[in-house]
Amino acid sequence: MAAQKYNARDVRFAIEDFNSPGTWVEFRTAEGGSGEGGINTFTKGHAYEAADTTVFGSDGRAETQNMQEGKTMGLQGFRLKDPTTGALDPAMALAEAQAGRLGVDSLVGFRFAAPGDTTWTVWTKSTFQLGEEGGGNNDKVTWAVTVTRSGAETTAAIS
């Protein structure tokens, strides 16, 4: 079959539970997690560090080589909170707790998969930084987090 467009709402995201390594909790989207979806937008970012390799023989044309590559994933949507217990959505609660951890403890796993993927893309070490949260008079409260990969990525089978 030829490559085709797919729905952003069907991409899945999960955070590793730092209290139980190897246990993954999915963020609620159209396809992932359970119940009403909170995440409704994501943005995958790429950053590069390049070395200037220009020499006299470059005849005035800049030359560079990529030396470092970084990746981020921004998740945005609505903050989900149980009105009876006050508990946050489990993945959001983990992300908020993880964002407050420092040093080596600030690293935890994150994974994501597009529809039809048979493997997760896994960032075995990543940091979480919370974004803006809020809303106006007639809005639902928003929520955002940026996940930054630390080191290389790998894959794992979707079960």
N, C-alpha and C. Protein backbone atom coordinates (compact mmCIF):
# COMPACT_ATOMS: atom_id res chain seq x y z
N MET A 1 0.84 -1.17 0.00
CA MET A 1 0.00 0.00 0.00
C MET A 1 0.89 1.25 0.00
N ALA A 2 0.49 2.26 -0.69
CA ALA A 2 1.24 3.51 -0.75
C ALA A 2 1.12 4.26 0.56
N ALA A 3 2.15 5.04 0.88
CA ALA A 3 2.12 5.85 2.09
C ALA A 3 0.95 6.82 2.02
N GLN A 4 0.34 7.07 3.18
CA GLN A 4 -0.79 7.99 3.22
C GLN A 4 -0.79 8.80 4.51
N LYS A 5 -1.57 9.87 4.52
CA LYS A 5 -1.70 10.72 5.70
C LYS A 5 -2.34 9.91 6.83
N TYR A 6 -2.06 10.29 8.07
CA TYR A 6 -2.72 9.67 9.21
C TYR A 6 -3.10 10.76 10.22
N ASN A 7 -4.04 10.42 11.08
CA ASN A 7 -4.58 11.39 12.02
C ASN A 7 -3.63 11.63 13.20
N ALA A 8 -3.36 12.90 13.48
CA ALA A 8 -2.54 13.25 14.64
C ALA A 8 -3.19 12.74 15.92
N ARG A 9 -4.52 12.71 15.97
CA ARG A 9 -5.22 12.29 17.18
C ARG A 9 -5.01 10.81 17.49
N ASP A 10 -4.50 10.04 16.52
CA ASP A 10 -4.32 8.61 16.73
C ASP A 10 -2.90 8.23 17.15
N VAL A 11 -2.00 9.21 17.28
CA VAL A 11 -0.65 8.94 17.76
C VAL A 11 -0.74 8.71 19.27
N ARG A 12 0.04 7.75 19.76
CA ARG A 12 0.01 7.38 21.18
C ARG A 12 1.30 7.82 21.87
N PHE A 13 1.18 8.20 23.14
CA PHE A 13 2.30 8.66 23.94
C PHE A 13 2.21 8.03 25.32
N ALA A 14 3.36 7.69 25.90
CA ALA A 14 3.36 7.10 27.24
C ALA A 14 4.60 7.54 28.01
N ILE A 15 4.44 7.67 29.32
CA ILE A 15 5.53 8.00 30.23
C ILE A 15 5.81 6.78 31.10
N GLU A 16 7.09 6.56 31.39
CA GLU A 16 7.47 5.47 32.29
C GLU A 16 7.24 5.92 33.73
N ASP A 17 6.66 5.06 34.54
CA ASP A 17 6.40 5.37 35.94
C ASP A 17 7.71 5.28 36.72
N PHE A 18 8.21 6.40 37.21
CA PHE A 18 9.50 6.39 37.92
C PHE A 18 9.40 5.63 39.24
N ASN A 19 8.20 5.41 39.76
CA ASN A 19 8.01 4.61 40.97
C ASN A 19 8.01 3.12 40.69
N SER A 20 7.83 2.78 39.42
CA SER A 20 7.76 1.38 39.00
C SER A 20 8.41 1.24 37.62
N PRO A 21 9.75 1.30 37.55
CA PRO A 21 10.44 1.24 36.26
C PRO A 21 9.97 0.05 35.41
N GLY A 22 9.78 0.33 34.11
CA GLY A 22 9.28 -0.69 33.20
C GLY A 22 7.77 -0.67 33.06
N THR A 23 7.09 0.12 33.89
CA THR A 23 5.63 0.28 33.80
C THR A 23 5.35 1.58 33.05
N TRP A 24 4.52 1.49 32.02
CA TRP A 24 4.22 2.64 31.17
C TRP A 24 2.78 3.07 31.36
N VAL A 25 2.55 4.38 31.39
CA VAL A 25 1.21 4.95 31.53
C VAL A 25 0.96 5.84 30.33
N GLU A 26 -0.10 5.55 29.59
CA GLU A 26 -0.40 6.32 28.37
C GLU A 26 -1.12 7.61 28.68
N PHE A 27 -0.73 8.65 27.94
CA PHE A 27 -1.49 9.89 27.96
C PHE A 27 -2.78 9.65 27.20
N ARG A 28 -3.86 10.24 27.65
CA ARG A 28 -5.16 10.01 27.02
C ARG A 28 -5.29 10.87 25.76
N THR A 29 -5.45 10.17 24.63
CA THR A 29 -5.69 10.80 23.33
C THR A 29 -6.91 10.12 22.73
N ALA A 30 -7.15 10.29 21.45
CA ALA A 30 -8.29 9.62 20.81
C ALA A 30 -8.15 8.11 20.88
N GLU A 31 -6.91 7.59 20.72
CA GLU A 31 -6.68 6.15 20.68
C GLU A 31 -6.00 5.61 21.92
N GLY A 32 -5.19 6.43 22.60
CA GLY A 32 -4.42 5.96 23.73
C GLY A 32 -5.10 6.23 25.05
N GLY A 33 -4.65 5.55 26.10
CA GLY A 33 -5.20 5.76 27.43
C GLY A 33 -6.63 5.29 27.50
N SER A 34 -7.38 5.82 28.45
CA SER A 34 -8.79 5.43 28.58
C SER A 34 -9.61 6.66 28.94
N GLY A 35 -10.85 6.66 28.52
CA GLY A 35 -11.74 7.78 28.83
C GLY A 35 -11.53 8.96 27.93
N GLU A 36 -12.04 10.10 28.37
CA GLU A 36 -11.96 11.34 27.61
C GLU A 36 -10.52 11.74 27.38
N GLY A 37 -10.17 12.09 26.16
CA GLY A 37 -8.81 12.47 25.83
C GLY A 37 -8.46 13.86 26.32
N GLY A 38 -7.24 14.02 26.81
CA GLY A 38 -6.77 15.32 27.25
C GLY A 38 -5.80 15.94 26.26
N ILE A 39 -4.92 15.12 25.69
CA ILE A 39 -3.93 15.63 24.74
C ILE A 39 -4.62 15.80 23.38
N ASN A 40 -4.51 17.03 22.83
CA ASN A 40 -5.13 17.26 21.52
C ASN A 40 -4.18 17.88 20.50
N THR A 41 -2.93 18.10 20.91
CA THR A 41 -1.93 18.65 20.00
C THR A 41 -0.57 18.13 20.41
N PHE A 42 0.27 17.80 19.42
CA PHE A 42 1.66 17.48 19.73
C PHE A 42 2.55 18.09 18.68
N THR A 43 3.79 18.34 19.07
CA THR A 43 4.77 18.91 18.17
C THR A 43 6.11 18.24 18.43
N LYS A 44 6.67 17.60 17.42
CA LYS A 44 7.99 16.99 17.55
C LYS A 44 9.01 17.98 17.01
N GLY A 45 10.00 18.30 17.83
CA GLY A 45 11.01 19.28 17.44
C GLY A 45 12.37 18.64 17.24
N HIS A 46 13.18 19.26 16.40
CA HIS A 46 14.53 18.79 16.09
C HIS A 46 15.48 19.97 16.26
N ALA A 47 16.62 19.73 16.90
CA ALA A 47 17.63 20.77 17.08
C ALA A 47 18.99 20.20 16.68
N TYR A 48 19.81 21.04 16.09
CA TYR A 48 21.12 20.58 15.62
C TYR A 48 22.20 21.57 16.04
N GLU A 49 23.37 21.03 16.35
CA GLU A 49 24.58 21.82 16.54
C GLU A 49 25.49 21.47 15.37
N ALA A 50 25.99 22.49 14.69
CA ALA A 50 26.84 22.26 13.53
C ALA A 50 28.20 22.90 13.75
N ALA A 51 29.23 22.26 13.21
CA ALA A 51 30.58 22.80 13.26
C ALA A 51 30.89 23.50 11.94
N ASP A 52 31.48 24.66 12.03
CA ASP A 52 31.90 25.38 10.84
C ASP A 52 33.18 24.72 10.32
N THR A 53 33.12 24.21 9.11
CA THR A 53 34.28 23.55 8.51
C THR A 53 34.82 24.33 7.30
N THR A 54 34.46 25.61 7.23
CA THR A 54 34.90 26.46 6.12
C THR A 54 36.42 26.67 6.16
N VAL A 55 37.04 26.56 5.00
CA VAL A 55 38.47 26.80 4.85
C VAL A 55 38.69 27.79 3.71
N PHE A 56 39.94 28.23 3.52
CA PHE A 56 40.22 29.16 2.43
C PHE A 56 39.78 28.60 1.09
N GLY A 57 39.90 27.30 0.92
CA GLY A 57 39.54 26.66 -0.34
C GLY A 57 38.03 26.58 -0.57
N SER A 58 37.24 27.03 0.39
CA SER A 58 35.78 26.99 0.23
C SER A 58 35.28 28.11 -0.67
N ASP A 59 36.20 28.97 -1.12
CA ASP A 59 35.87 30.06 -2.04
C ASP A 59 34.71 30.93 -1.57
N GLY A 60 34.69 31.23 -0.26
CA GLY A 60 33.67 32.13 0.26
C GLY A 60 32.31 31.48 0.49
N ARG A 61 32.23 30.18 0.32
CA ARG A 61 30.98 29.45 0.57
C ARG A 61 31.09 28.74 1.91
N ALA A 62 30.15 28.99 2.81
CA ALA A 62 30.18 28.38 4.14
C ALA A 62 30.03 26.87 4.03
N GLU A 63 30.77 26.16 4.86
CA GLU A 63 30.67 24.70 4.93
C GLU A 63 30.46 24.32 6.39
N THR A 64 29.57 23.36 6.62
CA THR A 64 29.28 22.90 7.98
C THR A 64 29.08 21.39 7.99
N GLN A 65 29.15 20.85 9.20
CA GLN A 65 28.83 19.44 9.42
C GLN A 65 28.00 19.36 10.70
N ASN A 66 26.92 18.59 10.66
CA ASN A 66 26.14 18.38 11.88
C ASN A 66 26.98 17.58 12.87
N MET A 67 27.03 18.06 14.10
CA MET A 67 27.84 17.42 15.14
C MET A 67 26.98 16.88 16.28
N GLN A 68 25.77 17.42 16.44
CA GLN A 68 24.89 17.00 17.53
C GLN A 68 23.45 17.15 17.09
N GLU A 69 22.62 16.20 17.51
CA GLU A 69 21.20 16.23 17.15
C GLU A 69 20.38 16.03 18.40
N GLY A 70 19.34 16.84 18.57
CA GLY A 70 18.46 16.72 19.73
C GLY A 70 17.01 16.65 19.29
N LYS A 71 16.17 16.07 20.15
CA LYS A 71 14.74 15.96 19.83
C LYS A 71 13.90 16.31 21.04
N THR A 72 12.75 16.92 20.76
CA THR A 72 11.76 17.24 21.78
C THR A 72 10.38 16.83 21.30
N MET A 73 9.48 16.63 22.25
CA MET A 73 8.08 16.37 21.93
C MET A 73 7.24 17.24 22.85
N GLY A 74 6.47 18.12 22.26
CA GLY A 74 5.56 18.96 23.03
C GLY A 74 4.17 18.35 23.01
N LEU A 75 3.57 18.17 24.17
CA LEU A 75 2.20 17.68 24.28
C LEU A 75 1.35 18.79 24.89
N GLN A 76 0.23 19.08 24.26
CA GLN A 76 -0.67 20.11 24.76
C GLN A 76 -2.10 19.58 24.74
N GLY A 77 -2.92 20.15 25.58
CA GLY A 77 -4.34 19.76 25.59
C GLY A 77 -5.03 20.33 26.80
N PHE A 78 -5.94 19.53 27.36
CA PHE A 78 -6.73 19.94 28.51
C PHE A 78 -6.27 19.19 29.75
N ARG A 79 -6.20 19.90 30.88
CA ARG A 79 -5.83 19.29 32.16
C ARG A 79 -7.02 18.47 32.64
N LEU A 80 -6.77 17.20 32.90
CA LEU A 80 -7.83 16.28 33.32
C LEU A 80 -7.72 16.00 34.82
N LYS A 81 -8.82 16.26 35.54
CA LYS A 81 -8.83 16.11 36.99
C LYS A 81 -10.16 15.50 37.41
N ASP A 82 -10.11 14.50 38.27
CA ASP A 82 -11.33 13.86 38.79
C ASP A 82 -12.02 14.85 39.72
N PRO A 83 -13.28 15.24 39.41
CA PRO A 83 -13.96 16.25 40.23
C PRO A 83 -14.29 15.75 41.64
N THR A 84 -14.36 14.45 41.82
CA THR A 84 -14.69 13.90 43.13
C THR A 84 -13.46 13.75 44.02
N THR A 85 -12.40 13.14 43.47
CA THR A 85 -11.20 12.86 44.28
C THR A 85 -10.14 13.94 44.17
N GLY A 86 -10.20 14.74 43.11
CA GLY A 86 -9.17 15.74 42.86
C GLY A 86 -7.92 15.17 42.21
N ALA A 87 -7.93 13.87 41.92
CA ALA A 87 -6.76 13.22 41.31
C ALA A 87 -6.63 13.63 39.85
N LEU A 88 -5.39 13.91 39.45
CA LEU A 88 -5.11 14.20 38.04
C LEU A 88 -5.13 12.91 37.23
N ASP A 89 -5.28 13.05 35.93
CA ASP A 89 -5.10 11.94 35.02
C ASP A 89 -3.76 11.30 35.35
N PRO A 90 -3.66 9.96 35.40
CA PRO A 90 -2.42 9.31 35.83
C PRO A 90 -1.17 9.72 35.05
N ALA A 91 -1.23 9.83 33.73
CA ALA A 91 -0.04 10.21 32.95
C ALA A 91 0.33 11.67 33.23
N MET A 92 -0.66 12.54 33.32
CA MET A 92 -0.38 13.94 33.62
C MET A 92 0.22 14.09 35.01
N ALA A 93 -0.28 13.33 35.96
CA ALA A 93 0.26 13.38 37.32
C ALA A 93 1.72 12.93 37.33
N LEU A 94 2.03 11.87 36.61
CA LEU A 94 3.42 11.41 36.52
C LEU A 94 4.31 12.47 35.87
N ALA A 95 3.82 13.08 34.79
CA ALA A 95 4.61 14.11 34.10
C ALA A 95 4.85 15.31 35.01
N GLU A 96 3.83 15.72 35.77
CA GLU A 96 4.00 16.86 36.67
C GLU A 96 4.98 16.53 37.79
N ALA A 97 4.90 15.32 38.33
CA ALA A 97 5.84 14.91 39.37
C ALA A 97 7.25 14.81 38.80
N GLN A 98 7.37 14.24 37.59
CA GLN A 98 8.68 14.07 36.96
C GLN A 98 9.33 15.43 36.70
N ALA A 99 8.53 16.42 36.32
CA ALA A 99 9.05 17.75 36.03
C ALA A 99 9.69 18.38 37.26
N GLY A 100 9.30 17.96 38.44
CA GLY A 100 9.86 18.49 39.67
C GLY A 100 11.09 17.76 40.16
N ARG A 101 11.47 16.69 39.49
CA ARG A 101 12.65 15.91 39.90
C ARG A 101 13.90 16.50 39.27
N LEU A 102 15.01 16.44 39.98
CA LEU A 102 16.24 17.08 39.53
C LEU A 102 17.38 16.09 39.39
N GLY A 103 18.44 16.52 38.71
CA GLY A 103 19.63 15.69 38.55
C GLY A 103 19.32 14.41 37.81
N VAL A 104 19.99 13.33 38.20
CA VAL A 104 19.79 12.04 37.53
C VAL A 104 18.34 11.56 37.67
N ASP A 105 17.67 11.98 38.74
CA ASP A 105 16.27 11.59 38.93
C ASP A 105 15.33 12.25 37.91
N SER A 106 15.82 13.28 37.22
CA SER A 106 14.97 13.97 36.23
C SER A 106 14.83 13.17 34.94
N LEU A 107 15.56 12.06 34.82
CA LEU A 107 15.51 11.24 33.61
C LEU A 107 14.56 10.07 33.77
N VAL A 108 13.68 9.90 32.80
CA VAL A 108 12.73 8.79 32.81
C VAL A 108 12.37 8.47 31.36
N GLY A 109 11.78 7.31 31.12
CA GLY A 109 11.43 6.90 29.77
C GLY A 109 10.18 7.58 29.23
N PHE A 110 10.17 7.74 27.91
CA PHE A 110 9.02 8.28 27.17
C PHE A 110 8.95 7.52 25.86
N ARG A 111 7.76 7.20 25.41
CA ARG A 111 7.64 6.50 24.13
C ARG A 111 6.41 6.98 23.37
N PHE A 112 6.44 6.76 22.04
CA PHE A 112 5.33 7.18 21.19
C PHE A 112 5.27 6.29 19.96
N ALA A 113 4.09 6.23 19.36
CA ALA A 113 3.88 5.41 18.16
C ALA A 113 2.76 6.00 17.32
N ALA A 114 2.97 5.96 16.01
CA ALA A 114 1.95 6.40 15.06
C ALA A 114 1.03 5.23 14.74
N PRO A 115 -0.17 5.50 14.21
CA PRO A 115 -1.09 4.42 13.85
C PRO A 115 -0.42 3.45 12.88
N GLY A 116 -0.59 2.16 13.13
CA GLY A 116 -0.03 1.14 12.26
C GLY A 116 1.38 0.73 12.61
N ASP A 117 2.05 1.49 13.50
CA ASP A 117 3.39 1.11 13.93
C ASP A 117 3.33 -0.21 14.69
N THR A 118 4.34 -1.03 14.52
CA THR A 118 4.44 -2.28 15.29
C THR A 118 5.45 -2.14 16.43
N THR A 119 6.16 -1.00 16.45
CA THR A 119 7.10 -0.73 17.52
C THR A 119 6.91 0.69 18.04
N TRP A 120 7.18 0.86 19.32
CA TRP A 120 7.24 2.18 19.93
C TRP A 120 8.60 2.80 19.59
N THR A 121 8.67 4.09 19.40
CA THR A 121 9.92 4.82 19.45
C THR A 121 10.11 5.15 20.93
N VAL A 122 11.25 4.74 21.48
CA VAL A 122 11.47 4.88 22.92
C VAL A 122 12.64 5.81 23.19
N TRP A 123 12.39 6.82 24.00
CA TRP A 123 13.45 7.66 24.53
C TRP A 123 13.69 7.14 25.95
N THR A 124 14.69 6.29 26.12
CA THR A 124 14.90 5.63 27.41
C THR A 124 15.24 6.63 28.51
N LYS A 125 15.83 7.75 28.13
CA LYS A 125 16.12 8.82 29.08
C LYS A 125 15.58 10.12 28.50
N SER A 126 14.71 10.78 29.25
CA SER A 126 14.16 12.06 28.81
C SER A 126 13.77 12.89 30.03
N THR A 127 13.73 14.20 29.82
CA THR A 127 13.30 15.11 30.87
C THR A 127 11.94 15.70 30.52
N PHE A 128 11.20 16.11 31.53
CA PHE A 128 9.88 16.69 31.36
C PHE A 128 9.88 18.10 31.95
N GLN A 129 9.39 19.06 31.17
CA GLN A 129 9.27 20.43 31.63
C GLN A 129 7.86 20.91 31.33
N LEU A 130 7.18 21.37 32.38
CA LEU A 130 5.79 21.81 32.23
C LEU A 130 5.71 23.12 31.48
N GLY A 131 4.64 23.29 30.72
CA GLY A 131 4.39 24.51 30.00
C GLY A 131 3.29 25.31 30.68
N GLU A 132 2.74 26.23 29.94
CA GLU A 132 1.70 27.10 30.50
C GLU A 132 0.40 26.32 30.71
N GLU A 133 -0.34 26.79 31.70
CA GLU A 133 -1.61 26.17 32.06
C GLU A 133 -2.57 27.30 32.38
N GLY A 134 -3.81 27.15 31.97
CA GLY A 134 -4.78 28.19 32.32
C GLY A 134 -5.95 28.24 31.36
N GLY A 135 -6.62 29.37 31.34
CA GLY A 135 -7.79 29.54 30.49
C GLY A 135 -8.53 30.80 30.85
N GLY A 136 -9.48 31.15 30.02
CA GLY A 136 -10.30 32.32 30.24
C GLY A 136 -11.67 31.97 30.80
N ASN A 137 -12.52 32.92 30.83
CA ASN A 137 -13.85 32.79 31.43
C ASN A 137 -14.65 31.61 30.89
N ASN A 138 -14.61 31.38 29.62
CA ASN A 138 -15.41 30.31 29.00
C ASN A 138 -14.56 29.19 28.45
N ASP A 139 -13.38 28.97 29.03
CA ASP A 139 -12.46 27.95 28.54
C ASP A 139 -12.35 26.79 29.51
N LYS A 140 -11.89 25.67 29.01
CA LYS A 140 -11.44 24.57 29.85
C LYS A 140 -9.96 24.82 30.14
N VAL A 141 -9.47 24.36 31.29
CA VAL A 141 -8.08 24.60 31.66
C VAL A 141 -7.15 23.81 30.75
N THR A 142 -6.13 24.49 30.23
CA THR A 142 -5.17 23.86 29.33
C THR A 142 -4.01 23.26 30.13
N TRP A 143 -3.23 22.44 29.45
CA TRP A 143 -2.08 21.76 30.06
C TRP A 143 -1.05 21.53 28.97
N ALA A 144 0.24 21.62 29.33
CA ALA A 144 1.30 21.39 28.35
C ALA A 144 2.56 20.89 29.03
N VAL A 145 3.30 20.07 28.30
CA VAL A 145 4.59 19.58 28.77
C VAL A 145 5.51 19.42 27.56
N THR A 146 6.80 19.67 27.77
CA THR A 146 7.80 19.42 26.74
C THR A 146 8.70 18.31 27.23
N VAL A 147 8.84 17.28 26.42
CA VAL A 147 9.70 16.15 26.72
C VAL A 147 10.96 16.31 25.86
N THR A 148 12.12 16.20 26.49
CA THR A 148 13.39 16.35 25.78
C THR A 148 14.17 15.05 25.88
N ARG A 149 14.53 14.50 24.75
CA ARG A 149 15.32 13.27 24.72
C ARG A 149 16.73 13.53 25.22
N SER A 150 17.26 12.60 26.02
CA SER A 150 18.64 12.65 26.50
C SER A 150 19.32 11.39 26.05
N GLY A 151 20.24 11.51 25.11
CA GLY A 151 20.91 10.33 24.57
C GLY A 151 20.18 9.80 23.34
N ALA A 152 20.48 8.56 23.00
CA ALA A 152 19.92 7.95 21.79
C ALA A 152 18.52 7.39 22.04
N GLU A 153 17.80 7.15 20.96
CA GLU A 153 16.49 6.49 21.06
C GLU A 153 16.61 5.04 20.64
N THR A 154 15.61 4.27 20.99
CA THR A 154 15.57 2.86 20.62
C THR A 154 14.12 2.52 20.27
N THR A 155 13.81 1.27 20.12
CA THR A 155 12.44 0.84 19.83
C THR A 155 12.07 -0.33 20.74
N ALA A 156 10.77 -0.56 20.86
CA ALA A 156 10.24 -1.69 21.62
C ALA A 156 8.96 -2.13 20.95
N ALA A 157 8.69 -3.43 20.95
CA ALA A 157 7.49 -3.96 20.32
C ALA A 157 6.24 -3.44 21.02
N ILE A 158 5.23 -3.14 20.23
CA ILE A 158 3.92 -2.77 20.79
C ILE A 158 3.19 -4.07 21.09
N SER A 159 2.79 -4.22 22.33
CA SER A 159 2.09 -5.44 22.71
C SER A 159 0.62 -5.20 22.97
